[in-house]
């Protein structure tokens, strides 16, 4: 499934197989990317249905741990639940000191 503009579609690709296992799926990226992805979803009824209730699109700068923590705190993230963090290529763009 393509969202266009080279945007990641992991959630939409794994949902059919793992829907019963996914409680919430949080996707983190820069504000411009999240804004564009929200617009694409808003204009596609199938994506809206798939995203409903499970997908949380959050903007933050992963180079700033406070930004990540604040984004999660304001999005119903339950810090007491078992969580899997999946990183797809983001660390390739970080410098060692970041």
N, C-alpha and C. Protein backbone atom coordinates (compact mmCIF):
# COMPACT_ATOMS: atom_id res chain seq x y z
N UNK A 1 0.84 -1.17 0.00
CA UNK A 1 0.00 0.00 0.00
C UNK A 1 0.89 1.23 0.00
N UNK A 2 0.57 2.15 -0.83
CA UNK A 2 1.38 3.36 -0.94
C UNK A 2 0.60 4.56 -0.44
N UNK A 3 1.26 5.36 0.38
CA UNK A 3 0.67 6.61 0.83
C UNK A 3 1.14 7.76 -0.02
N UNK A 4 2.04 7.50 -0.93
CA UNK A 4 2.58 8.55 -1.78
C UNK A 4 3.72 9.27 -1.09
N UNK A 5 4.43 10.05 -1.85
CA UNK A 5 5.53 10.89 -1.34
C UNK A 5 6.58 10.10 -0.56
N UNK A 6 6.68 8.80 -0.79
CA UNK A 6 7.67 7.99 -0.10
C UNK A 6 7.39 7.82 1.39
N UNK A 7 6.15 8.05 1.81
CA UNK A 7 5.81 7.94 3.23
C UNK A 7 5.70 6.50 3.65
N UNK A 8 6.11 6.27 4.88
CA UNK A 8 6.07 4.92 5.45
C UNK A 8 4.62 4.44 5.59
N UNK A 9 4.39 3.20 5.19
CA UNK A 9 3.05 2.62 5.28
C UNK A 9 3.04 1.36 6.14
N UNK A 10 4.02 1.22 7.03
CA UNK A 10 4.14 0.01 7.86
C UNK A 10 2.83 -0.35 8.55
N UNK A 11 2.22 0.60 9.23
CA UNK A 11 0.98 0.31 9.96
C UNK A 11 -0.06 -0.31 9.05
N UNK A 12 -0.27 0.27 7.90
CA UNK A 12 -1.30 -0.20 6.98
C UNK A 12 -0.95 -1.56 6.37
N UNK A 13 0.35 -1.86 6.27
CA UNK A 13 0.76 -3.16 5.73
C UNK A 13 0.62 -4.27 6.77
N UNK A 14 0.88 -3.99 8.04
CA UNK A 14 0.84 -5.05 9.06
C UNK A 14 -0.54 -5.22 9.69
N UNK A 15 -1.38 -4.21 9.60
CA UNK A 15 -2.68 -4.27 10.25
C UNK A 15 -3.51 -5.50 9.88
N UNK A 16 -3.64 -5.86 8.62
CA UNK A 16 -4.48 -7.02 8.30
C UNK A 16 -4.06 -8.30 9.03
N UNK A 17 -2.78 -8.52 9.19
CA UNK A 17 -2.30 -9.74 9.86
C UNK A 17 -2.28 -9.62 11.38
N UNK A 18 -2.03 -8.44 11.89
CA UNK A 18 -1.79 -8.28 13.33
C UNK A 18 -2.85 -7.44 14.05
N UNK A 19 -3.98 -7.21 13.43
CA UNK A 19 -4.97 -6.31 14.02
C UNK A 19 -5.34 -6.70 15.44
N UNK A 20 -5.53 -7.97 15.70
CA UNK A 20 -5.94 -8.39 17.05
C UNK A 20 -4.81 -8.22 18.07
N UNK A 21 -3.57 -8.11 17.61
CA UNK A 21 -2.42 -7.96 18.50
C UNK A 21 -2.06 -6.50 18.76
N UNK A 22 -2.55 -5.61 17.93
CA UNK A 22 -2.20 -4.19 18.06
C UNK A 22 -3.25 -3.48 18.89
N UNK A 23 -2.83 -2.94 20.03
CA UNK A 23 -3.74 -2.14 20.84
C UNK A 23 -3.71 -0.70 20.35
N UNK A 24 -2.54 -0.15 20.25
CA UNK A 24 -2.31 1.19 19.69
C UNK A 24 -1.00 1.14 18.91
N UNK A 25 -0.95 1.89 17.84
CA UNK A 25 0.25 1.99 17.02
C UNK A 25 0.61 3.46 16.95
N UNK A 26 1.75 3.82 17.50
CA UNK A 26 2.20 5.21 17.52
C UNK A 26 3.27 5.39 16.46
N UNK A 27 3.03 6.32 15.58
CA UNK A 27 4.03 6.63 14.56
C UNK A 27 4.57 8.02 14.85
N UNK A 28 5.89 8.13 14.88
CA UNK A 28 6.55 9.38 15.22
C UNK A 28 7.38 9.86 14.05
N UNK A 29 7.27 11.15 13.77
CA UNK A 29 8.07 11.72 12.70
C UNK A 29 8.04 13.24 12.85
N UNK A 30 8.73 13.91 11.96
CA UNK A 30 8.73 15.37 11.98
C UNK A 30 7.31 15.88 11.69
N UNK A 31 7.03 17.08 12.17
CA UNK A 31 5.69 17.66 12.03
C UNK A 31 5.24 17.72 10.57
N UNK A 32 6.11 18.10 9.66
CA UNK A 32 5.72 18.20 8.25
C UNK A 32 5.30 16.85 7.68
N UNK A 33 5.96 15.80 8.08
CA UNK A 33 5.63 14.45 7.59
C UNK A 33 4.30 13.99 8.18
N UNK A 34 4.13 14.20 9.47
CA UNK A 34 2.89 13.79 10.13
C UNK A 34 1.70 14.57 9.58
N UNK A 35 1.87 15.85 9.37
CA UNK A 35 0.80 16.69 8.80
C UNK A 35 0.39 16.18 7.42
N UNK A 36 1.37 15.87 6.59
CA UNK A 36 1.09 15.36 5.25
C UNK A 36 0.38 14.01 5.31
N UNK A 37 0.85 13.14 6.19
CA UNK A 37 0.25 11.81 6.31
C UNK A 37 -1.19 11.91 6.81
N UNK A 38 -1.44 12.78 7.78
CA UNK A 38 -2.81 12.97 8.27
C UNK A 38 -3.72 13.45 7.15
N UNK A 39 -3.23 14.32 6.30
CA UNK A 39 -4.02 14.83 5.18
C UNK A 39 -4.35 13.70 4.19
N UNK A 40 -3.37 12.87 3.91
CA UNK A 40 -3.61 11.74 2.99
C UNK A 40 -4.67 10.81 3.56
N UNK A 41 -4.56 10.49 4.84
CA UNK A 41 -5.53 9.59 5.49
C UNK A 41 -6.91 10.23 5.49
N UNK A 42 -6.98 11.51 5.80
CA UNK A 42 -8.25 12.23 5.85
C UNK A 42 -8.98 12.18 4.51
N UNK A 43 -8.25 12.12 3.43
CA UNK A 43 -8.85 12.13 2.10
C UNK A 43 -9.02 10.73 1.49
N UNK A 44 -8.87 9.69 2.31
CA UNK A 44 -9.02 8.33 1.82
C UNK A 44 -9.86 7.54 2.82
N UNK A 45 -11.07 7.20 2.45
CA UNK A 45 -12.00 6.55 3.36
C UNK A 45 -11.47 5.20 3.89
N UNK A 46 -10.83 4.43 3.05
CA UNK A 46 -10.30 3.13 3.48
C UNK A 46 -9.22 3.32 4.55
N UNK A 47 -8.31 4.26 4.31
CA UNK A 47 -7.26 4.53 5.30
C UNK A 47 -7.85 5.07 6.60
N UNK A 48 -8.89 5.88 6.50
CA UNK A 48 -9.55 6.40 7.70
C UNK A 48 -10.07 5.26 8.57
N UNK A 49 -10.74 4.31 7.93
CA UNK A 49 -11.29 3.17 8.66
C UNK A 49 -10.16 2.34 9.29
N UNK A 50 -9.11 2.13 8.54
CA UNK A 50 -7.99 1.34 9.06
C UNK A 50 -7.29 2.04 10.22
N UNK A 51 -7.21 3.35 10.17
CA UNK A 51 -6.49 4.12 11.20
C UNK A 51 -7.34 4.36 12.44
N UNK A 52 -8.63 4.29 12.29
CA UNK A 52 -9.55 4.62 13.38
C UNK A 52 -9.24 3.83 14.65
N UNK A 53 -9.14 4.51 15.74
CA UNK A 53 -8.98 3.95 17.08
C UNK A 53 -7.61 3.36 17.40
N UNK A 54 -6.80 3.03 16.42
CA UNK A 54 -5.52 2.38 16.73
C UNK A 54 -4.30 3.19 16.35
N UNK A 55 -4.36 3.94 15.30
CA UNK A 55 -3.18 4.66 14.82
C UNK A 55 -3.10 6.04 15.45
N UNK A 56 -1.95 6.35 16.03
CA UNK A 56 -1.68 7.67 16.58
C UNK A 56 -0.48 8.24 15.86
N UNK A 57 -0.66 9.33 15.16
CA UNK A 57 0.42 9.99 14.44
C UNK A 57 0.90 11.17 15.27
N UNK A 58 2.15 11.12 15.69
CA UNK A 58 2.70 12.13 16.59
C UNK A 58 3.92 12.78 15.97
N UNK A 59 3.98 14.09 16.09
CA UNK A 59 5.18 14.76 15.59
C UNK A 59 6.11 15.06 16.76
N UNK A 60 7.37 14.79 16.54
CA UNK A 60 8.40 15.10 17.52
C UNK A 60 9.75 14.99 16.82
N UNK A 61 10.76 15.43 17.51
CA UNK A 61 12.12 15.34 17.00
C UNK A 61 12.84 14.30 17.86
N UNK A 62 13.11 13.15 17.29
CA UNK A 62 13.72 12.06 18.06
C UNK A 62 15.13 12.38 18.56
N UNK A 63 15.70 13.44 18.06
CA UNK A 63 17.00 13.87 18.57
C UNK A 63 16.85 14.54 19.93
N UNK A 64 15.64 14.84 20.30
CA UNK A 64 15.35 15.50 21.56
C UNK A 64 14.44 14.59 22.39
N UNK A 65 15.01 13.86 23.36
CA UNK A 65 14.20 12.92 24.15
C UNK A 65 13.00 13.58 24.84
N UNK A 66 13.11 14.83 25.22
CA UNK A 66 11.99 15.52 25.85
C UNK A 66 10.84 15.67 24.86
N UNK A 67 11.15 15.94 23.61
CA UNK A 67 10.13 16.05 22.57
C UNK A 67 9.36 14.74 22.44
N UNK A 68 10.06 13.63 22.45
CA UNK A 68 9.44 12.31 22.37
C UNK A 68 8.55 12.06 23.58
N UNK A 69 9.07 12.30 24.75
CA UNK A 69 8.30 12.07 25.98
C UNK A 69 7.04 12.93 26.01
N UNK A 70 7.16 14.19 25.66
CA UNK A 70 6.00 15.08 25.66
C UNK A 70 4.95 14.64 24.64
N UNK A 71 5.39 14.24 23.47
CA UNK A 71 4.44 13.78 22.43
C UNK A 71 3.67 12.56 22.94
N UNK A 72 4.37 11.62 23.57
CA UNK A 72 3.71 10.42 24.08
C UNK A 72 2.77 10.74 25.24
N UNK A 73 3.20 11.61 26.14
CA UNK A 73 2.36 11.98 27.28
C UNK A 73 1.03 12.59 26.83
N UNK A 74 1.06 13.36 25.77
CA UNK A 74 -0.15 14.06 25.30
C UNK A 74 -0.98 13.22 24.33
N UNK A 75 -0.69 11.94 24.24
CA UNK A 75 -1.40 11.12 23.24
C UNK A 75 -1.97 9.83 23.80
N UNK A 76 -2.25 9.79 25.08
CA UNK A 76 -2.84 8.60 25.70
C UNK A 76 -1.88 7.41 25.76
N UNK A 77 -0.59 7.65 25.63
CA UNK A 77 0.38 6.56 25.71
C UNK A 77 0.45 6.09 27.16
N UNK A 78 0.37 4.77 27.36
CA UNK A 78 0.41 4.21 28.70
C UNK A 78 1.82 3.68 28.96
N UNK A 79 2.58 4.43 29.73
CA UNK A 79 3.97 4.07 30.02
C UNK A 79 4.08 2.79 30.85
N UNK A 80 3.00 2.31 31.43
CA UNK A 80 3.05 1.09 32.24
C UNK A 80 2.84 -0.18 31.41
N UNK A 81 2.42 -0.03 30.16
CA UNK A 81 2.15 -1.20 29.30
C UNK A 81 3.42 -1.68 28.60
N UNK A 82 3.44 -2.96 28.31
CA UNK A 82 4.52 -3.52 27.52
C UNK A 82 4.48 -2.87 26.14
N UNK A 83 5.64 -2.43 25.68
CA UNK A 83 5.70 -1.67 24.45
C UNK A 83 6.83 -2.16 23.57
N UNK A 84 6.58 -2.20 22.29
CA UNK A 84 7.62 -2.51 21.32
C UNK A 84 7.93 -1.23 20.56
N UNK A 85 9.19 -0.87 20.52
CA UNK A 85 9.62 0.28 19.72
C UNK A 85 10.30 -0.27 18.47
N UNK A 86 9.79 0.11 17.34
CA UNK A 86 10.31 -0.35 16.05
C UNK A 86 10.84 0.86 15.31
N UNK A 87 12.08 0.77 14.90
CA UNK A 87 12.69 1.88 14.18
C UNK A 87 13.04 1.42 12.78
N UNK A 88 12.49 2.11 11.81
CA UNK A 88 12.77 1.75 10.43
C UNK A 88 13.56 2.87 9.78
N UNK A 89 14.84 2.70 9.76
CA UNK A 89 15.78 3.60 9.08
C UNK A 89 16.04 4.94 9.77
N UNK A 90 15.33 5.28 10.82
CA UNK A 90 15.52 6.59 11.43
C UNK A 90 16.93 6.75 12.01
N UNK A 91 17.46 5.69 12.59
CA UNK A 91 18.79 5.82 13.21
C UNK A 91 19.88 6.07 12.17
N UNK A 92 19.63 5.73 10.92
CA UNK A 92 20.60 6.00 9.86
C UNK A 92 20.85 7.49 9.67
N UNK A 93 19.86 8.30 10.05
CA UNK A 93 19.96 9.74 9.86
C UNK A 93 20.49 10.49 11.09
N UNK A 94 20.69 9.77 12.16
CA UNK A 94 21.19 10.39 13.37
C UNK A 94 22.71 10.34 13.43
N UNK A 95 23.30 11.39 13.92
CA UNK A 95 24.74 11.42 14.12
C UNK A 95 25.05 10.79 15.47
N UNK A 96 26.27 10.31 15.68
CA UNK A 96 26.60 9.61 16.95
C UNK A 96 26.23 10.40 18.20
N UNK A 97 26.40 11.71 18.21
CA UNK A 97 26.09 12.50 19.40
C UNK A 97 24.58 12.74 19.60
N UNK A 98 23.77 12.39 18.61
CA UNK A 98 22.33 12.59 18.70
C UNK A 98 21.68 11.36 19.28
